[in-house]
């Protein structure tokens, strides 16, 4: 991966500072997984520069509350695969509290390196 990704604090999903007080940058391996987790968290239409990006949360996932776990997982994997450099992805759900679904995305790059991020 040639670009850099700003490191996001997993608990708040917000920018974090490094030990020098600067905005932290993710390592190359972790950045791929974090970018996949960001793709999973993006609502379709949320990116003003390309409204086709993101998952159809409003129309297919949250609309009637009847989306199966298998369908949601497949959509999450498909979103992770849109990240340049991701060769394969697996998604694991770890909890559902109220309206907050948590889990983990594991991505593999073309070199076979696996990296993980939580969502």
PDB file of N, CA and C in Angstrom:
ATOM      1  N   UNK A   1       0.844  -1.172   0.000  1.00  0.00           N
ATOM      2  CA  UNK A   1       0.000   0.000   0.000  1.00  0.00           C
ATOM      3  C   UNK A   1       0.887   1.231   0.000  1.00  0.00           C
ATOM      4  N   UNK A   2       0.616   2.167  -0.892  1.00  0.00           N
ATOM      5  CA  UNK A   2       1.492   3.310  -1.031  1.00  0.00           C
ATOM      6  C   UNK A   2       1.055   4.503  -0.197  1.00  0.00           C
ATOM      7  N   UNK A   3      -0.229   4.637   0.095  1.00  0.00           N
ATOM      8  CA  UNK A   3      -0.712   5.777   0.855  1.00  0.00           C
ATOM      9  C   UNK A   3      -0.537   5.579   2.346  1.00  0.00           C
ATOM     10  N   UNK A   4      -0.773   6.660   3.085  1.00  0.00           N
ATOM     11  CA  UNK A   4      -0.713   6.582   4.540  1.00  0.00           C
ATOM     12  C   UNK A   4      -2.115   6.750   5.095  1.00  0.00           C
ATOM     13  N   UNK A   5      -2.352   6.104   6.215  1.00  0.00           N
ATOM     14  CA  UNK A   5      -3.645   6.173   6.882  1.00  0.00           C
ATOM     15  C   UNK A   5      -3.440   6.726   8.281  1.00  0.00           C
ATOM     16  N   UNK A   6      -4.246   7.706   8.656  1.00  0.00           N
ATOM     17  CA  UNK A   6      -4.178   8.227  10.011  1.00  0.00           C
ATOM     18  C   UNK A   6      -4.702   7.161  10.966  1.00  0.00           C
ATOM     19  N   UNK A   7      -3.993   6.964  12.065  1.00  0.00           N
ATOM     20  CA  UNK A   7      -4.381   5.959  13.052  1.00  0.00           C
ATOM     21  C   UNK A   7      -5.622   6.436  13.790  1.00  0.00           C
ATOM     22  N   UNK A   8      -6.602   5.549  13.907  1.00  0.00           N
ATOM     23  CA  UNK A   8      -7.821   5.849  14.645  1.00  0.00           C
ATOM     24  C   UNK A   8      -7.852   5.041  15.935  1.00  0.00           C
ATOM     25  N   UNK A   9      -8.152   5.712  17.031  1.00  0.00           N
ATOM     26  CA  UNK A   9      -8.329   5.041  18.316  1.00  0.00           C
ATOM     27  C   UNK A   9      -9.529   4.105  18.181  1.00  0.00           C
ATOM     28  N   UNK A  10      -9.329   2.829  18.429  1.00  0.00           N
ATOM     29  CA  UNK A  10     -10.375   1.827  18.206  1.00  0.00           C
ATOM     30  C   UNK A  10     -11.608   2.063  19.078  1.00  0.00           C
ATOM     31  N   UNK A  11     -11.433   2.573  20.289  1.00  0.00           N
ATOM     32  CA  UNK A  11     -12.569   2.776  21.186  1.00  0.00           C
ATOM     33  C   UNK A  11     -13.459   3.931  20.725  1.00  0.00           C
ATOM     34  N   UNK A  12     -12.856   5.027  20.291  1.00  0.00           N
ATOM     35  CA  UNK A  12     -13.627   6.209  19.899  1.00  0.00           C
ATOM     36  C   UNK A  12     -13.755   6.358  18.391  1.00  0.00           C
ATOM     37  N   UNK A  13     -12.975   5.600  17.636  1.00  0.00           N
ATOM     38  CA  UNK A  13     -12.891   5.703  16.177  1.00  0.00           C
ATOM     39  C   UNK A  13     -12.637   7.155  15.787  1.00  0.00           C
ATOM     40  N   UNK A  14     -11.616   7.713  16.439  1.00  0.00           N
ATOM     41  CA  UNK A  14     -11.241   9.101  16.224  1.00  0.00           C
ATOM     42  C   UNK A  14      -9.725   9.182  16.156  1.00  0.00           C
ATOM     43  N   UNK A  15      -9.216  10.302  15.688  1.00  0.00           N
ATOM     44  CA  UNK A  15      -7.777  10.486  15.581  1.00  0.00           C
ATOM     45  C   UNK A  15      -7.101  10.296  16.929  1.00  0.00           C
ATOM     46  N   UNK A  16      -5.871   9.827  16.892  1.00  0.00           N
ATOM     47  CA  UNK A  16      -5.078   9.619  18.101  1.00  0.00           C
ATOM     48  C   UNK A  16      -3.738  10.318  17.916  1.00  0.00           C
ATOM     49  N   UNK A  17      -3.073  10.563  19.018  1.00  0.00           N
ATOM     50  CA  UNK A  17      -1.760  11.201  18.982  1.00  0.00           C
ATOM     51  C   UNK A  17      -0.673  10.172  19.234  1.00  0.00           C
ATOM     52  N   UNK A  18       0.484  10.392  18.624  1.00  0.00           N
ATOM     53  CA  UNK A  18       1.626   9.523  18.895  1.00  0.00           C
ATOM     54  C   UNK A  18       2.361  10.038  20.127  1.00  0.00           C
ATOM     55  N   UNK A  19       3.462   9.400  20.487  1.00  0.00           N
ATOM     56  CA  UNK A  19       4.195   9.766  21.707  1.00  0.00           C
ATOM     57  C   UNK A  19       4.764  11.180  21.638  1.00  0.00           C
ATOM     58  N   UNK A  20       4.936  11.731  20.444  1.00  0.00           N
ATOM     59  CA  UNK A  20       5.450  13.088  20.290  1.00  0.00           C
ATOM     60  C   UNK A  20       4.363  14.146  20.239  1.00  0.00           C
ATOM     61  N   UNK A  21       3.105  13.735  20.390  1.00  0.00           N
ATOM     62  CA  UNK A  21       2.002  14.674  20.356  1.00  0.00           C
ATOM     63  C   UNK A  21       1.506  14.993  18.954  1.00  0.00           C
ATOM     64  N   UNK A  22       2.009  14.285  17.967  1.00  0.00           N
ATOM     65  CA  UNK A  22       1.574  14.473  16.582  1.00  0.00           C
ATOM     66  C   UNK A  22       0.425  13.522  16.261  1.00  0.00           C
ATOM     67  N   UNK A  23      -0.317  13.825  15.214  1.00  0.00           N
ATOM     68  CA  UNK A  23      -1.372  12.911  14.784  1.00  0.00           C
ATOM     69  C   UNK A  23      -0.710  11.604  14.362  1.00  0.00           C
ATOM     70  N   UNK A  24      -1.169  10.506  14.932  1.00  0.00           N
ATOM     71  CA  UNK A  24      -0.552   9.198  14.695  1.00  0.00           C
ATOM     72  C   UNK A  24      -0.902   8.674  13.307  1.00  0.00           C
ATOM     73  N   UNK A  25       0.058   7.977  12.714  1.00  0.00           N
ATOM     74  CA  UNK A  25      -0.115   7.333  11.415  1.00  0.00           C
ATOM     75  C   UNK A  25      -0.065   5.824  11.646  1.00  0.00           C
ATOM     76  N   UNK A  26      -0.983   5.099  11.020  1.00  0.00           N
ATOM     77  CA  UNK A  26      -1.042   3.642  11.183  1.00  0.00           C
ATOM     78  C   UNK A  26       0.114   2.975  10.449  1.00  0.00           C
ATOM     79  N   UNK A  27       0.570   1.850  10.978  1.00  0.00           N
ATOM     80  CA  UNK A  27       1.592   1.063  10.286  1.00  0.00           C
ATOM     81  C   UNK A  27       0.995   0.529   8.991  1.00  0.00           C
ATOM     82  N   UNK A  28       1.842   0.160   8.059  1.00  0.00           N
ATOM     83  CA  UNK A  28       1.340  -0.261   6.746  1.00  0.00           C
ATOM     84  C   UNK A  28       0.425  -1.477   6.833  1.00  0.00           C
ATOM     85  N   UNK A  29       0.752  -2.457   7.653  1.00  0.00           N
ATOM     86  CA  UNK A  29      -0.102  -3.646   7.773  1.00  0.00           C
ATOM     87  C   UNK A  29      -1.434  -3.311   8.428  1.00  0.00           C
ATOM     88  N   UNK A  30      -1.383  -2.585   9.542  1.00  0.00           N
ATOM     89  CA  UNK A  30      -2.615  -2.251  10.246  1.00  0.00           C
ATOM     90  C   UNK A  30      -3.485  -1.308   9.425  1.00  0.00           C
ATOM     91  N   UNK A  31      -2.871  -0.428   8.640  1.00  0.00           N
ATOM     92  CA  UNK A  31      -3.659   0.540   7.874  1.00  0.00           C
ATOM     93  C   UNK A  31      -4.617  -0.152   6.912  1.00  0.00           C
ATOM     94  N   UNK A  32      -4.211  -1.259   6.355  1.00  0.00           N
ATOM     95  CA  UNK A  32      -5.077  -2.001   5.439  1.00  0.00           C
ATOM     96  C   UNK A  32      -6.321  -2.505   6.173  1.00  0.00           C
ATOM     97  N   UNK A  33      -6.132  -3.065   7.359  1.00  0.00           N
ATOM     98  CA  UNK A  33      -7.265  -3.555   8.152  1.00  0.00           C
ATOM     99  C   UNK A  33      -8.135  -2.400   8.637  1.00  0.00           C
ATOM    100  N   UNK A  34      -7.501  -1.304   9.054  1.00  0.00           N
ATOM    101  CA  UNK A  34      -8.269  -0.147   9.511  1.00  0.00           C
ATOM    102  C   UNK A  34      -9.085   0.448   8.364  1.00  0.00           C
ATOM    103  N   UNK A  35      -8.502   0.516   7.176  1.00  0.00           N
ATOM    104  CA  UNK A  35      -9.245   1.013   6.015  1.00  0.00           C
ATOM    105  C   UNK A  35     -10.438   0.112   5.706  1.00  0.00           C
ATOM    106  N   UNK A  36     -10.268  -1.199   5.871  1.00  0.00           N
ATOM    107  CA  UNK A  36     -11.378  -2.132   5.662  1.00  0.00           C
ATOM    108  C   UNK A  36     -12.468  -1.903   6.710  1.00  0.00           C
ATOM    109  N   UNK A  37     -12.071  -1.701   7.964  1.00  0.00           N
ATOM    110  CA  UNK A  37     -13.044  -1.427   9.021  1.00  0.00           C
ATOM    111  C   UNK A  37     -13.771  -0.113   8.749  1.00  0.00           C
ATOM    112  N   UNK A  38     -13.060   0.874   8.233  1.00  0.00           N
ATOM    113  CA  UNK A  38     -13.702   2.145   7.873  1.00  0.00           C
ATOM    114  C   UNK A  38     -14.709   1.949   6.748  1.00  0.00           C
ATOM    115  N   UNK A  39     -14.363   1.118   5.777  1.00  0.00           N
ATOM    116  CA  UNK A  39     -15.296   0.831   4.683  1.00  0.00           C
ATOM    117  C   UNK A  39     -16.562   0.170   5.221  1.00  0.00           C
ATOM    118  N   UNK A  40     -16.406  -0.702   6.205  1.00  0.00           N
ATOM    119  CA  UNK A  40     -17.549  -1.380   6.818  1.00  0.00           C
ATOM    120  C   UNK A  40     -18.425  -0.388   7.580  1.00  0.00           C
ATOM    121  N   UNK A  41     -17.823   0.609   8.191  1.00  0.00           N
ATOM    122  CA  UNK A  41     -18.562   1.576   9.002  1.00  0.00           C
ATOM    123  C   UNK A  41     -19.190   2.710   8.189  1.00  0.00           C
ATOM    124  N   UNK A  42     -18.890   2.777   6.904  1.00  0.00           N
ATOM    125  CA  UNK A  42     -19.363   3.883   6.074  1.00  0.00           C
ATOM    126  C   UNK A  42     -20.770   3.613   5.537  1.00  0.00           C
ATOM    127  N   UNK A  43     -21.668   4.554   5.773  1.00  0.00           N
ATOM    128  CA  UNK A  43     -23.027   4.480   5.239  1.00  0.00           C
ATOM    129  C   UNK A  43     -23.013   4.932   3.782  1.00  0.00           C
ATOM    130  N   UNK A  44     -23.759   4.244   2.941  1.00  0.00           N
ATOM    131  CA  UNK A  44     -23.846   4.637   1.534  1.00  0.00           C
ATOM    132  C   UNK A  44     -24.379   6.063   1.448  1.00  0.00           C
ATOM    133  N   UNK A  45     -23.686   6.894   0.664  1.00  0.00           N
ATOM    134  CA  UNK A  45     -24.050   8.295   0.526  1.00  0.00           C
ATOM    135  C   UNK A  45     -23.316   9.205   1.486  1.00  0.00           C
ATOM    136  N   UNK A  46     -22.603   8.642   2.454  1.00  0.00           N
ATOM    137  CA  UNK A  46     -21.910   9.437   3.466  1.00  0.00           C
ATOM    138  C   UNK A  46     -20.681  10.156   2.904  1.00  0.00           C
ATOM    139  N   UNK A  47     -20.003   9.560   1.939  1.00  0.00           N
ATOM    140  CA  UNK A  47     -18.810  10.176   1.344  1.00  0.00           C
ATOM    141  C   UNK A  47     -19.261  11.167   0.283  1.00  0.00           C
ATOM    142  N   UNK A  48     -19.138  12.444   0.568  1.00  0.00           N
ATOM    143  CA  UNK A  48     -19.657  13.464  -0.353  1.00  0.00           C
ATOM    144  C   UNK A  48     -18.938  13.476  -1.689  1.00  0.00           C
ATOM    145  N   UNK A  49     -17.714  12.978  -1.743  1.00  0.00           N
ATOM    146  CA  UNK A  49     -16.952  12.959  -2.992  1.00  0.00           C
ATOM    147  C   UNK A  49     -17.304  11.762  -3.870  1.00  0.00           C
ATOM    148  N   UNK A  50     -17.940  10.749  -3.306  1.00  0.00           N
ATOM    149  CA  UNK A  50     -18.389   9.579  -4.067  1.00  0.00           C
ATOM    150  C   UNK A  50     -19.512   8.909  -3.283  1.00  0.00           C
ATOM    151  N   UNK A  51     -20.722   9.326  -3.549  1.00  0.00           N
ATOM    152  CA  UNK A  51     -21.863   8.846  -2.761  1.00  0.00           C
ATOM    153  C   UNK A  51     -22.224   7.391  -3.032  1.00  0.00           C
ATOM    154  N   UNK A  52     -21.562   6.763  -4.009  1.00  0.00           N
ATOM    155  CA  UNK A  52     -21.816   5.339  -4.249  1.00  0.00           C
ATOM    156  C   UNK A  52     -21.061   4.455  -3.256  1.00  0.00           C
ATOM    157  N   UNK A  53     -20.064   5.020  -2.571  1.00  0.00           N
ATOM    158  CA  UNK A  53     -19.313   4.235  -1.586  1.00  0.00           C
ATOM    159  C   UNK A  53     -20.154   4.002  -0.337  1.00  0.00           C
ATOM    160  N   UNK A  54     -19.845   2.936   0.374  1.00  0.00           N
ATOM    161  CA  UNK A  54     -20.510   2.651   1.637  1.00  0.00           C
ATOM    162  C   UNK A  54     -21.526   1.527   1.525  1.00  0.00           C
ATOM    163  N   UNK A  55     -21.993   1.110   2.673  1.00  0.00           N
ATOM    164  CA  UNK A  55     -22.980   0.030   2.756  1.00  0.00           C
ATOM    165  C   UNK A  55     -24.394   0.597   2.798  1.00  0.00           C
ATOM    166  N   UNK A  56     -25.356  -0.123   2.253  1.00  0.00           N
ATOM    167  CA  UNK A  56     -26.743   0.353   2.231  1.00  0.00           C
ATOM    168  C   UNK A  56     -27.444   0.127   3.574  1.00  0.00           C
ATOM    169  N   UNK A  57     -26.890   0.742   4.622  1.00  0.00           N
ATOM    170  CA  UNK A  57     -27.463   0.547   5.956  1.00  0.00           C
ATOM    171  C   UNK A  57     -28.932   0.971   6.004  1.00  0.00           C
ATOM    172  N   UNK A  58     -29.258   2.154   5.480  1.00  0.00           N
ATOM    173  CA  UNK A  58     -30.626   2.676   5.598  1.00  0.00           C
ATOM    174  C   UNK A  58     -31.625   1.872   4.789  1.00  0.00           C
ATOM    175  N   UNK A  59     -31.235   1.375   3.632  1.00  0.00           N
ATOM    176  CA  UNK A  59     -32.202   0.719   2.748  1.00  0.00           C
ATOM    177  C   UNK A  59     -32.259  -0.796   2.883  1.00  0.00           C
ATOM    178  N   UNK A  60     -31.171  -1.431   3.313  1.00  0.00           N
ATOM    179  CA  UNK A  60     -31.161  -2.894   3.338  1.00  0.00           C
ATOM    180  C   UNK A  60     -30.826  -3.507   4.693  1.00  0.00           C
ATOM    181  N   UNK A  61     -30.027  -2.830   5.484  1.00  0.00           N
ATOM    182  CA  UNK A  61     -29.573  -3.448   6.732  1.00  0.00           C
ATOM    183  C   UNK A  61     -30.431  -3.008   7.913  1.00  0.00           C
ATOM    184  N   UNK A  62     -30.664  -1.702   8.056  1.00  0.00           N
ATOM    185  CA  UNK A  62     -31.415  -1.190   9.201  1.00  0.00           C
ATOM    186  C   UNK A  62     -32.882  -0.918   8.887  1.00  0.00           C
ATOM    187  N   UNK A  63     -33.245  -0.915   7.618  1.00  0.00           N
ATOM    188  CA  UNK A  63     -34.573  -0.505   7.175  1.00  0.00           C
ATOM    189  C   UNK A  63     -35.694  -1.255   7.877  1.00  0.00           C
ATOM    190  N   UNK A  64     -35.653  -2.553   7.838  1.00  0.00           N
ATOM    191  CA  UNK A  64     -36.741  -3.321   8.443  1.00  0.00           C
ATOM    192  C   UNK A  64     -36.290  -4.164   9.628  1.00  0.00           C
ATOM    193  N   UNK A  65     -35.013  -4.113   9.930  1.00  0.00           N
ATOM    194  CA  UNK A  65     -34.499  -4.876  11.058  1.00  0.00           C
ATOM    195  C   UNK A  65     -34.501  -6.373  10.850  1.00  0.00           C
ATOM    196  N   UNK A  66     -34.738  -6.813   9.615  1.00  0.00           N
ATOM    197  CA  UNK A  66     -34.845  -8.236   9.346  1.00  0.00           C
ATOM    198  C   UNK A  66     -33.674  -8.801   8.546  1.00  0.00           C
ATOM    199  N   UNK A  67     -32.624  -8.016   8.338  1.00  0.00           N
ATOM    200  CA  UNK A  67     -31.469  -8.510   7.582  1.00  0.00           C
ATOM    201  C   UNK A  67     -30.811  -9.650   8.359  1.00  0.00           C
ATOM    202  N   UNK A  68     -30.553 -10.749   7.677  1.00  0.00           N
ATOM    203  CA  UNK A  68     -29.931 -11.894   8.349  1.00  0.00           C
ATOM    204  C   UNK A  68     -28.457 -11.616   8.609  1.00  0.00           C
ATOM    205  N   UNK A  69     -27.921 -12.291   9.593  1.00  0.00           N
ATOM    206  CA  UNK A  69     -26.506 -12.148   9.926  1.00  0.00           C
ATOM    207  C   UNK A  69     -25.645 -12.531   8.727  1.00  0.00           C
ATOM    208  N   UNK A  70     -26.040 -13.556   7.993  1.00  0.00           N
ATOM    209  CA  UNK A  70     -25.264 -13.993   6.829  1.00  0.00           C
ATOM    210  C   UNK A  70     -25.210 -12.908   5.759  1.00  0.00           C
ATOM    211  N   UNK A  71     -26.331 -12.223   5.534  1.00  0.00           N
ATOM    212  CA  UNK A  71     -26.368 -11.146   4.537  1.00  0.00           C
ATOM    213  C   UNK A  71     -25.513  -9.974   4.995  1.00  0.00           C
ATOM    214  N   UNK A  72     -25.627  -9.600   6.258  1.00  0.00           N
ATOM    215  CA  UNK A  72     -24.828  -8.494   6.792  1.00  0.00           C
ATOM    216  C   UNK A  72     -23.347  -8.830   6.700  1.00  0.00           C
ATOM    217  N   UNK A  73     -22.980 -10.042   7.072  1.00  0.00           N
ATOM    218  CA  UNK A  73     -21.577 -10.456   7.005  1.00  0.00           C
ATOM    219  C   UNK A  73     -21.069 -10.398   5.565  1.00  0.00           C
ATOM    220  N   UNK A  74     -21.862 -10.868   4.620  1.00  0.00           N
ATOM    221  CA  UNK A  74     -21.460 -10.833   3.209  1.00  0.00           C
ATOM    222  C   UNK A  74     -21.264  -9.399   2.727  1.00  0.00           C
ATOM    223  N   UNK A  75     -22.132  -8.488   3.158  1.00  0.00           N
ATOM    224  CA  UNK A  75     -21.975  -7.088   2.773  1.00  0.00           C
ATOM    225  C   UNK A  75     -20.732  -6.474   3.415  1.00  0.00           C
ATOM    226  N   UNK A  76     -20.428  -6.851   4.651  1.00  0.00           N
ATOM    227  CA  UNK A  76     -19.225  -6.349   5.316  1.00  0.00           C
ATOM    228  C   UNK A  76     -17.970  -6.837   4.595  1.00  0.00           C
ATOM    229  N   UNK A  77     -17.954  -8.109   4.221  1.00  0.00           N
ATOM    230  CA  UNK A  77     -16.805  -8.661   3.487  1.00  0.00           C
ATOM    231  C   UNK A  77     -16.652  -7.948   2.149  1.00  0.00           C
ATOM    232  N   UNK A  78     -17.757  -7.740   1.447  1.00  0.00           N
ATOM    233  CA  UNK A  78     -17.706  -7.042   0.156  1.00  0.00           C
ATOM    234  C   UNK A  78     -17.156  -5.630   0.323  1.00  0.00           C
ATOM    235  N   UNK A  79     -17.536  -4.952   1.395  1.00  0.00           N
ATOM    236  CA  UNK A  79     -17.018  -3.603   1.652  1.00  0.00           C
ATOM    237  C   UNK A  79     -15.516  -3.643   1.906  1.00  0.00           C
ATOM    238  N   UNK A  80     -15.058  -4.622   2.679  1.00  0.00           N
ATOM    239  CA  UNK A  80     -13.621  -4.747   2.960  1.00  0.00           C
ATOM    240  C   UNK A  80     -12.835  -5.000   1.683  1.00  0.00           C
ATOM    241  N   UNK A  81     -13.421  -5.744   0.765  1.00  0.00           N
ATOM    242  CA  UNK A  81     -12.734  -6.068  -0.491  1.00  0.00           C
ATOM    243  C   UNK A  81     -12.630  -4.879  -1.438  1.00  0.00           C
ATOM    244  N   UNK A  82     -13.338  -3.790  -1.150  1.00  0.00           N
ATOM    245  CA  UNK A  82     -13.212  -2.591  -1.982  1.00  0.00           C
ATOM    246  C   UNK A  82     -11.946  -1.806  -1.674  1.00  0.00           C
ATOM    247  N   UNK A  83     -11.280  -2.130  -0.582  1.00  0.00           N
ATOM    248  CA  UNK A  83     -10.057  -1.419  -0.193  1.00  0.00           C
ATOM    249  C   UNK A  83      -8.901  -1.896  -1.070  1.00  0.00           C
ATOM    250  N   UNK A  84      -8.230  -0.973  -1.759  1.00  0.00           N
ATOM    251  CA  UNK A  84      -7.083  -1.367  -2.590  1.00  0.00           C
ATOM    252  C   UNK A  84      -6.017  -2.081  -1.759  1.00  0.00           C
ATOM    253  N   UNK A  85      -5.577  -3.227  -2.241  1.00  0.00           N
ATOM    254  CA  UNK A  85      -4.560  -4.007  -1.545  1.00  0.00           C
ATOM    255  C   UNK A  85      -5.108  -5.189  -0.775  1.00  0.00           C
ATOM    256  N   UNK A  86      -6.415  -5.219  -0.539  1.00  0.00           N
ATOM    257  CA  UNK A  86      -7.033  -6.340   0.179  1.00  0.00           C
ATOM    258  C   UNK A  86      -7.314  -7.459  -0.817  1.00  0.00           C
ATOM    259  N   UNK A  87      -6.682  -8.613  -0.592  1.00  0.00           N
ATOM    260  CA  UNK A  87      -6.887  -9.777  -1.463  1.00  0.00           C
ATOM    261  C   UNK A  87      -8.048 -10.638  -0.977  1.00  0.00           C
ATOM    262  N   UNK A  88      -8.204 -10.745   0.345  1.00  0.00           N
ATOM    263  CA  UNK A  88      -9.320 -11.495   0.920  1.00  0.00           C
ATOM    264  C   UNK A  88      -9.653 -10.907   2.278  1.00  0.00           C
ATOM    265  N   UNK A  89     -10.864 -11.190   2.739  1.00  0.00           N
ATOM    266  CA  UNK A  89     -11.312 -10.645   4.023  1.00  0.00           C
ATOM    267  C   UNK A  89     -12.248 -11.624   4.707  1.00  0.00           C
ATOM    268  N   UNK A  90     -12.185 -11.614   6.031  1.00  0.00           N
ATOM    269  CA  UNK A  90     -13.113 -12.376   6.858  1.00  0.00           C
ATOM    270  C   UNK A  90     -13.646 -11.438   7.926  1.00  0.00           C
ATOM    271  N   UNK A  91     -14.904 -11.626   8.287  1.00  0.00           N
ATOM    272  CA  UNK A  91     -15.544 -10.785   9.289  1.00  0.00           C
ATOM    273  C   UNK A  91     -16.075 -11.673  10.405  1.00  0.00           C
ATOM    274  N   UNK A  92     -15.853 -11.232  11.640  1.00  0.00           N
ATOM    275  CA  UNK A  92     -16.342 -11.946  12.820  1.00  0.00           C
ATOM    276  C   UNK A  92     -17.112 -10.958  13.685  1.00  0.00           C
ATOM    277  N   UNK A  93     -18.302 -11.337  14.110  1.00  0.00           N
ATOM    278  CA  UNK A  93     -19.084 -10.501  15.009  1.00  0.00           C
ATOM    279  C   UNK A  93     -18.793 -10.927  16.439  1.00  0.00           C
ATOM    280  N   UNK A  94     -18.642  -9.934  17.319  1.00  0.00           N
ATOM    281  CA  UNK A  94     -18.326 -10.258  18.710  1.00  0.00           C
ATOM    282  C   UNK A  94     -19.405  -9.824  19.687  1.00  0.00           C
ATOM    283  N   UNK A  95     -20.290  -8.937  19.279  1.00  0.00           N
ATOM    284  CA  UNK A  95     -21.320  -8.523  20.210  1.00  0.00           C
ATOM    285  C   UNK A  95     -22.355  -7.617  19.580  1.00  0.00           C
ATOM    286  N   UNK A  96     -23.512  -7.575  20.220  1.00  0.00           N
ATOM    287  CA  UNK A  96     -24.590  -6.683  19.826  1.00  0.00           C
ATOM    288  C   UNK A  96     -25.198  -6.149  21.108  1.00  0.00           C
ATOM    289  N   UNK A  97     -25.027  -4.847  21.322  1.00  0.00           N
ATOM    290  CA  UNK A  97     -25.551  -4.205  22.514  1.00  0.00           C
ATOM    291  C   UNK A  97     -26.388  -3.013  22.067  1.00  0.00           C
ATOM    292  N   UNK A  98     -27.678  -3.102  22.267  1.00  0.00           N
ATOM    293  CA  UNK A  98     -28.558  -2.051  21.761  1.00  0.00           C
ATOM    294  C   UNK A  98     -28.490  -2.034  20.248  1.00  0.00           C
ATOM    295  N   UNK A  99     -28.041  -0.917  19.698  1.00  0.00           N
ATOM    296  CA  UNK A  99     -27.897  -0.800  18.243  1.00  0.00           C
ATOM    297  C   UNK A  99     -26.446  -0.870  17.813  1.00  0.00           C
ATOM    298  N   UNK A 100     -25.554  -1.303  18.683  1.00  0.00           N
ATOM    299  CA  UNK A 100     -24.122  -1.306  18.403  1.00  0.00           C
ATOM    300  C   UNK A 100     -23.620  -2.725  18.139  1.00  0.00           C
ATOM    301  N   UNK A 101     -23.317  -3.007  16.878  1.00  0.00           N
ATOM    302  CA  UNK A 101     -22.750  -4.291  16.478  1.00  0.00           C
ATOM    303  C   UNK A 101     -21.236  -4.148  16.445  1.00  0.00           C
ATOM    304  N   UNK A 102     -20.544  -5.005  17.170  1.00  0.00           N
ATOM    305  CA  UNK A 102     -19.084  -4.955  17.194  1.00  0.00           C
ATOM    306  C   UNK A 102     -18.524  -6.229  16.585  1.00  0.00           C
ATOM    307  N   UNK A 103     -17.301  -6.116  16.132  1.00  0.00           N
ATOM    308  CA  UNK A 103     -16.664  -7.276  15.540  1.00  0.00           C
ATOM    309  C   UNK A 103     -15.262  -6.970  15.082  1.00  0.00           C
ATOM    310  N   UNK A 104     -14.783  -7.832  14.225  1.00  0.00           N
ATOM    311  CA  UNK A 104     -13.402  -7.760  13.767  1.00  0.00           C
ATOM    312  C   UNK A 104     -13.359  -8.094  12.280  1.00  0.00           C
ATOM    313  N   UNK A 105     -12.516  -7.377  11.557  1.00  0.00           N
ATOM    314  CA  UNK A 105     -12.264  -7.706  10.163  1.00  0.00           C
ATOM    315  C   UNK A 105     -10.807  -8.137  10.052  1.00  0.00           C
ATOM    316  N   UNK A 106     -10.587  -9.267   9.415  1.00  0.00           N
ATOM    317  CA  UNK A 106      -9.235  -9.765   9.151  1.00  0.00           C
ATOM    318  C   UNK A 106      -9.028  -9.720   7.648  1.00  0.00           C
ATOM    319  N   UNK A 107      -8.000  -8.990   7.232  1.00  0.00           N
ATOM    320  CA  UNK A 107      -7.726  -8.863   5.803  1.00  0.00           C
ATOM    321  C   UNK A 107      -6.373  -9.475   5.484  1.00  0.00           C
ATOM    322  N   UNK A 108      -6.279 -10.007   4.284  1.00  0.00           N
ATOM    323  CA  UNK A 108      -5.032 -10.577   3.788  1.00  0.00           C
ATOM    324  C   UNK A 108      -4.638  -9.798   2.546  1.00  0.00           C
ATOM    325  N   UNK A 109      -3.363  -9.382   2.495  1.00  0.00           N
ATOM    326  CA  UNK A 109      -2.900  -8.670   1.305  1.00  0.00           C
ATOM    327  C   UNK A 109      -2.351  -9.663   0.289  1.00  0.00           C
ATOM    328  N   UNK A 110      -1.875  -9.164  -0.837  1.00  0.00           N
ATOM    329  CA  UNK A 110      -1.403 -10.044  -1.914  1.00  0.00           C
ATOM    330  C   UNK A 110      -0.151 -10.823  -1.533  1.00  0.00           C
ATOM    331  N   UNK A 111       0.556 -10.390  -0.479  1.00  0.00           N
ATOM    332  CA  UNK A 111       1.739 -11.108  -0.001  1.00  0.00           C
ATOM    333  C   UNK A 111       1.390 -12.177   1.020  1.00  0.00           C
ATOM    334  N   UNK A 112       0.117 -12.266   1.388  1.00  0.00           N
ATOM    335  CA  UNK A 112      -0.315 -13.248   2.374  1.00  0.00           C
ATOM    336  C   UNK A 112      -0.251 -12.757   3.805  1.00  0.00           C
ATOM    337  N   UNK A 113       0.041 -11.478   4.010  1.00  0.00           N
ATOM    338  CA  UNK A 113       0.113 -10.919   5.364  1.00  0.00           C
ATOM    339  C   UNK A 113      -1.302 -10.620   5.849  1.00  0.00           C
ATOM    340  N   UNK A 114      -1.625 -11.134   7.037  1.00  0.00           N
ATOM    341  CA  UNK A 114      -2.945 -10.947   7.632  1.00  0.00           C
ATOM    342  C   UNK A 114      -2.860  -9.843   8.674  1.00  0.00           C
ATOM    343  N   UNK A 115      -3.806  -8.925   8.635  1.00  0.00           N
ATOM    344  CA  UNK A 115      -3.891  -7.881   9.654  1.00  0.00           C
ATOM    345  C   UNK A 115      -5.346  -7.753  10.093  1.00  0.00           C
ATOM    346  N   UNK A 116      -5.534  -7.254  11.295  1.00  0.00           N
ATOM    347  CA  UNK A 116      -6.842  -7.256  11.939  1.00  0.00           C
ATOM    348  C   UNK A 116      -7.168  -5.888  12.511  1.00  0.00           C
ATOM    349  N   UNK A 117      -8.431  -5.508  12.414  1.00  0.00           N
ATOM    350  CA  UNK A 117      -8.923  -4.296  13.072  1.00  0.00           C
ATOM    351  C   UNK A 117     -10.335  -4.571  13.567  1.00  0.00           C
ATOM    352  N   UNK A 118     -10.702  -3.871  14.618  1.00  0.00           N
ATOM    353  CA  UNK A 118     -12.042  -4.012  15.179  1.00  0.00           C
ATOM    354  C   UNK A 118     -12.949  -2.924  14.638  1.00  0.00           C
ATOM    355  N   UNK A 119     -14.229  -3.229  14.607  1.00  0.00           N
ATOM    356  CA  UNK A 119     -15.220  -2.224  14.215  1.00  0.00           C
ATOM    357  C   UNK A 119     -16.346  -2.235  15.225  1.00  0.00           C
TER     358      UNK A 119
END
